[in-house]
Amino acid sequence: LSRLNPQADAYLVDRSGEIRYSFAPAEYSPKVSRISTEPIDRFLSEGASQRAPIYGDDPESPGGRAVFSAAPVTIEGGVHYLYIVVGGARRA
């Protein structure tokens, strides 16, 4: 994904906010192992017409915030999130 769109980094995050996998290039590994899922839950619960940019944690910048997109995915019967950060720390 990062090769197709270098302005975005994707992560697989579990329901507790633990980053299970980073799709970013190896040299840009996450600086944190957990993010808040509250912004993700809010993003997913609002209707598409009601969404304004919602800022969530930027895994590459402890304490940093970034615009993101997210989608629920089911893996081995458990719900996870595909969390895509747009314009995060490494592009600042």
N, C-alpha and C. Protein backbone atom coordinates (compact mmCIF):
# COMPACT_ATOMS: atom_id res chain seq x y z
N LEU A 1 0.82 -1.20 0.00
CA LEU A 1 0.00 0.00 0.00
C LEU A 1 0.86 1.25 0.00
N SER A 2 1.91 1.26 0.83
CA SER A 2 2.77 2.45 0.89
C SER A 2 3.50 2.69 -0.43
N ARG A 3 3.76 1.63 -1.17
CA ARG A 3 4.39 1.82 -2.48
C ARG A 3 3.41 2.41 -3.48
N LEU A 4 2.14 2.02 -3.39
CA LEU A 4 1.12 2.57 -4.28
C LEU A 4 0.77 3.99 -3.92
N ASN A 5 0.74 4.28 -2.62
CA ASN A 5 0.43 5.63 -2.14
C ASN A 5 1.37 5.97 -1.00
N PRO A 6 2.49 6.62 -1.30
CA PRO A 6 3.47 6.91 -0.25
C PRO A 6 2.97 7.89 0.80
N GLN A 7 1.80 8.47 0.60
CA GLN A 7 1.23 9.38 1.60
C GLN A 7 0.40 8.65 2.64
N ALA A 8 0.35 7.32 2.57
CA ALA A 8 -0.48 6.54 3.51
C ALA A 8 0.30 5.36 4.06
N ASP A 9 0.07 5.08 5.32
CA ASP A 9 0.62 3.89 5.97
C ASP A 9 -0.54 3.10 6.55
N ALA A 10 -0.48 1.79 6.43
CA ALA A 10 -1.58 0.95 6.89
C ALA A 10 -1.09 0.03 8.01
N TYR A 11 -1.99 -0.23 8.95
CA TYR A 11 -1.70 -1.08 10.10
C TYR A 11 -2.89 -1.98 10.36
N LEU A 12 -2.63 -3.16 10.87
CA LEU A 12 -3.68 -4.05 11.35
C LEU A 12 -3.69 -3.90 12.86
N VAL A 13 -4.83 -3.49 13.40
CA VAL A 13 -4.95 -3.16 14.82
C VAL A 13 -6.06 -4.02 15.43
N ASP A 14 -5.82 -4.59 16.61
CA ASP A 14 -6.89 -5.38 17.24
C ASP A 14 -7.83 -4.46 18.02
N ARG A 15 -8.90 -5.02 18.55
CA ARG A 15 -9.93 -4.23 19.24
C ARG A 15 -9.41 -3.49 20.47
N SER A 16 -8.30 -3.95 21.05
CA SER A 16 -7.74 -3.26 22.22
C SER A 16 -6.78 -2.15 21.81
N GLY A 17 -6.49 -2.02 20.51
CA GLY A 17 -5.60 -0.98 20.02
C GLY A 17 -4.17 -1.45 19.79
N GLU A 18 -3.90 -2.73 20.02
CA GLU A 18 -2.57 -3.29 19.80
C GLU A 18 -2.30 -3.37 18.30
N ILE A 19 -1.15 -2.82 17.87
CA ILE A 19 -0.77 -2.90 16.46
C ILE A 19 -0.22 -4.30 16.21
N ARG A 20 -0.94 -5.07 15.41
CA ARG A 20 -0.56 -6.45 15.12
C ARG A 20 0.35 -6.56 13.92
N TYR A 21 0.23 -5.63 12.98
CA TYR A 21 1.06 -5.68 11.78
C TYR A 21 1.12 -4.30 11.16
N SER A 22 2.29 -3.95 10.65
CA SER A 22 2.47 -2.69 9.94
C SER A 22 2.75 -3.00 8.48
N PHE A 23 2.03 -2.33 7.60
CA PHE A 23 2.24 -2.49 6.17
C PHE A 23 3.20 -1.44 5.62
N ALA A 24 3.77 -0.61 6.52
CA ALA A 24 4.73 0.41 6.11
C ALA A 24 6.07 -0.26 5.78
N PRO A 25 6.88 0.40 4.96
CA PRO A 25 8.21 -0.16 4.69
C PRO A 25 8.97 -0.37 6.00
N ALA A 26 9.84 -1.38 6.01
CA ALA A 26 10.56 -1.78 7.23
C ALA A 26 11.28 -0.63 7.92
N GLU A 27 11.80 0.31 7.14
CA GLU A 27 12.53 1.42 7.76
C GLU A 27 11.62 2.39 8.51
N TYR A 28 10.30 2.23 8.36
CA TYR A 28 9.34 3.08 9.05
C TYR A 28 8.46 2.28 9.99
N SER A 29 9.07 1.52 10.85
CA SER A 29 8.28 0.71 11.79
C SER A 29 7.61 1.63 12.82
N PRO A 30 6.46 1.21 13.36
CA PRO A 30 5.76 2.04 14.34
C PRO A 30 6.62 2.30 15.58
N LYS A 31 6.49 3.51 16.12
CA LYS A 31 7.23 3.88 17.33
C LYS A 31 6.45 3.55 18.59
N VAL A 32 5.18 3.19 18.43
CA VAL A 32 4.33 2.77 19.55
C VAL A 32 3.73 1.41 19.20
N SER A 33 3.32 0.66 20.21
CA SER A 33 2.74 -0.66 19.96
C SER A 33 1.22 -0.67 20.11
N ARG A 34 0.67 0.45 20.58
CA ARG A 34 -0.77 0.51 20.84
C ARG A 34 -1.28 1.91 20.51
N ILE A 35 -2.50 1.96 19.97
CA ILE A 35 -3.15 3.24 19.71
C ILE A 35 -4.54 3.23 20.35
N SER A 36 -5.13 4.39 20.48
CA SER A 36 -6.49 4.50 21.00
C SER A 36 -7.47 4.08 19.91
N THR A 37 -8.45 3.26 20.28
CA THR A 37 -9.47 2.85 19.30
C THR A 37 -10.70 3.73 19.36
N GLU A 38 -10.76 4.66 20.29
CA GLU A 38 -11.94 5.55 20.40
C GLU A 38 -12.19 6.31 19.10
N PRO A 39 -11.16 6.94 18.49
CA PRO A 39 -11.43 7.63 17.22
C PRO A 39 -11.87 6.67 16.11
N ILE A 40 -11.35 5.46 16.10
CA ILE A 40 -11.75 4.48 15.09
C ILE A 40 -13.22 4.11 15.28
N ASP A 41 -13.60 3.83 16.52
CA ASP A 41 -15.00 3.48 16.80
C ASP A 41 -15.93 4.63 16.40
N ARG A 42 -15.52 5.87 16.69
CA ARG A 42 -16.34 7.03 16.33
C ARG A 42 -16.44 7.15 14.81
N PHE A 43 -15.31 6.98 14.11
CA PHE A 43 -15.28 7.05 12.66
C PHE A 43 -16.23 6.02 12.05
N LEU A 44 -16.19 4.79 12.56
CA LEU A 44 -17.01 3.72 12.00
C LEU A 44 -18.49 3.85 12.35
N SER A 45 -18.80 4.50 13.47
CA SER A 45 -20.20 4.60 13.88
C SER A 45 -20.93 5.77 13.24
N GLU A 46 -20.22 6.76 12.73
CA GLU A 46 -20.86 7.91 12.10
C GLU A 46 -21.18 7.60 10.65
N GLY A 47 -22.30 8.11 10.17
CA GLY A 47 -22.65 7.92 8.77
C GLY A 47 -21.68 8.64 7.87
N ALA A 48 -21.54 8.17 6.64
CA ALA A 48 -20.57 8.76 5.70
C ALA A 48 -20.81 10.25 5.51
N SER A 49 -22.06 10.67 5.50
CA SER A 49 -22.35 12.10 5.28
C SER A 49 -22.00 12.93 6.51
N GLN A 50 -21.85 12.31 7.66
CA GLN A 50 -21.56 13.04 8.89
C GLN A 50 -20.06 13.10 9.19
N ARG A 51 -19.26 12.38 8.46
CA ARG A 51 -17.83 12.32 8.76
C ARG A 51 -17.12 13.61 8.37
N ALA A 52 -16.44 14.17 9.31
CA ALA A 52 -15.48 15.24 9.07
C ALA A 52 -14.13 14.61 9.36
N PRO A 53 -13.06 15.24 9.01
CA PRO A 53 -11.80 14.60 9.38
C PRO A 53 -11.75 14.32 10.89
N ILE A 54 -11.47 13.10 11.22
CA ILE A 54 -11.28 12.70 12.62
C ILE A 54 -9.82 12.35 12.76
N TYR A 55 -9.20 12.87 13.79
CA TYR A 55 -7.78 12.61 14.01
C TYR A 55 -7.61 11.46 14.98
N GLY A 56 -6.69 10.56 14.63
CA GLY A 56 -6.36 9.44 15.49
C GLY A 56 -4.86 9.42 15.75
N ASP A 57 -4.42 8.47 16.53
CA ASP A 57 -3.01 8.36 16.86
C ASP A 57 -2.18 8.05 15.62
N ASP A 58 -0.99 8.65 15.54
CA ASP A 58 -0.04 8.34 14.48
C ASP A 58 1.00 7.39 15.06
N PRO A 59 0.99 6.11 14.66
CA PRO A 59 1.91 5.13 15.23
C PRO A 59 3.39 5.47 15.06
N GLU A 60 3.70 6.35 14.13
CA GLU A 60 5.10 6.71 13.91
C GLU A 60 5.51 7.96 14.69
N SER A 61 4.60 8.51 15.46
CA SER A 61 4.90 9.73 16.21
C SER A 61 4.21 9.67 17.57
N PRO A 62 4.90 9.19 18.61
CA PRO A 62 4.27 9.10 19.93
C PRO A 62 3.65 10.45 20.32
N GLY A 63 2.37 10.43 20.62
CA GLY A 63 1.64 11.65 20.97
C GLY A 63 1.15 12.42 19.77
N GLY A 64 1.56 12.02 18.56
CA GLY A 64 1.14 12.71 17.34
C GLY A 64 -0.23 12.26 16.88
N ARG A 65 -0.90 13.11 16.13
CA ARG A 65 -2.23 12.82 15.61
C ARG A 65 -2.21 12.99 14.10
N ALA A 66 -3.06 12.24 13.40
CA ALA A 66 -3.13 12.31 11.95
C ALA A 66 -4.53 11.94 11.49
N VAL A 67 -4.88 12.42 10.30
CA VAL A 67 -6.12 12.01 9.66
C VAL A 67 -5.97 10.54 9.28
N PHE A 68 -7.05 9.78 9.42
CA PHE A 68 -6.99 8.36 9.12
C PHE A 68 -8.28 7.88 8.48
N SER A 69 -8.22 6.68 7.98
CA SER A 69 -9.40 5.95 7.55
C SER A 69 -9.30 4.57 8.19
N ALA A 70 -10.42 3.91 8.35
CA ALA A 70 -10.42 2.59 8.99
C ALA A 70 -11.56 1.75 8.47
N ALA A 71 -11.36 0.44 8.55
CA ALA A 71 -12.40 -0.51 8.18
C ALA A 71 -12.26 -1.73 9.07
N PRO A 72 -13.39 -2.30 9.50
CA PRO A 72 -13.31 -3.53 10.28
C PRO A 72 -12.98 -4.70 9.36
N VAL A 73 -12.18 -5.62 9.86
CA VAL A 73 -11.86 -6.85 9.14
C VAL A 73 -11.96 -8.00 10.13
N THR A 74 -12.43 -9.14 9.65
CA THR A 74 -12.54 -10.31 10.51
C THR A 74 -11.42 -11.28 10.15
N ILE A 75 -10.63 -11.64 11.16
CA ILE A 75 -9.52 -12.57 10.98
C ILE A 75 -9.67 -13.67 12.02
N GLU A 76 -9.77 -14.90 11.54
CA GLU A 76 -9.93 -16.06 12.42
C GLU A 76 -11.02 -15.84 13.46
N GLY A 77 -12.14 -15.28 13.02
CA GLY A 77 -13.29 -15.09 13.88
C GLY A 77 -13.24 -13.86 14.77
N GLY A 78 -12.13 -13.13 14.77
CA GLY A 78 -12.01 -11.93 15.60
C GLY A 78 -12.03 -10.66 14.75
N VAL A 79 -12.61 -9.61 15.31
CA VAL A 79 -12.68 -8.34 14.60
C VAL A 79 -11.41 -7.54 14.87
N HIS A 80 -10.81 -7.06 13.80
CA HIS A 80 -9.65 -6.17 13.85
C HIS A 80 -10.00 -4.95 13.01
N TYR A 81 -9.08 -3.99 12.97
CA TYR A 81 -9.26 -2.82 12.12
C TYR A 81 -8.11 -2.71 11.15
N LEU A 82 -8.42 -2.34 9.92
CA LEU A 82 -7.42 -1.88 8.98
C LEU A 82 -7.39 -0.37 9.19
N TYR A 83 -6.26 0.14 9.67
CA TYR A 83 -6.12 1.53 10.09
C TYR A 83 -5.12 2.19 9.14
N ILE A 84 -5.58 3.18 8.39
CA ILE A 84 -4.74 3.82 7.38
C ILE A 84 -4.52 5.27 7.77
N VAL A 85 -3.27 5.61 8.01
CA VAL A 85 -2.88 6.97 8.39
C VAL A 85 -2.49 7.72 7.13
N VAL A 86 -3.06 8.91 6.98
CA VAL A 86 -2.81 9.74 5.81
C VAL A 86 -1.96 10.94 6.25
N GLY A 87 -0.80 11.09 5.65
CA GLY A 87 0.04 12.24 5.94
C GLY A 87 0.59 12.26 7.35
N GLY A 88 1.08 11.14 7.83
CA GLY A 88 1.60 11.02 9.20
C GLY A 88 2.98 11.63 9.38
N ALA A 89 3.65 11.26 10.46
CA ALA A 89 4.90 11.88 10.91
C ALA A 89 6.01 11.82 9.88
N ARG A 90 6.19 10.71 9.20
CA ARG A 90 7.34 10.62 8.31
C ARG A 90 7.20 11.49 7.07
N ARG A 91 6.01 12.02 6.83
CA ARG A 91 5.80 12.91 5.70
C ARG A 91 5.74 14.37 6.11
N ALA A 92 5.87 14.63 7.40
CA ALA A 92 5.76 16.02 7.89
C ALA A 92 7.00 16.81 7.56
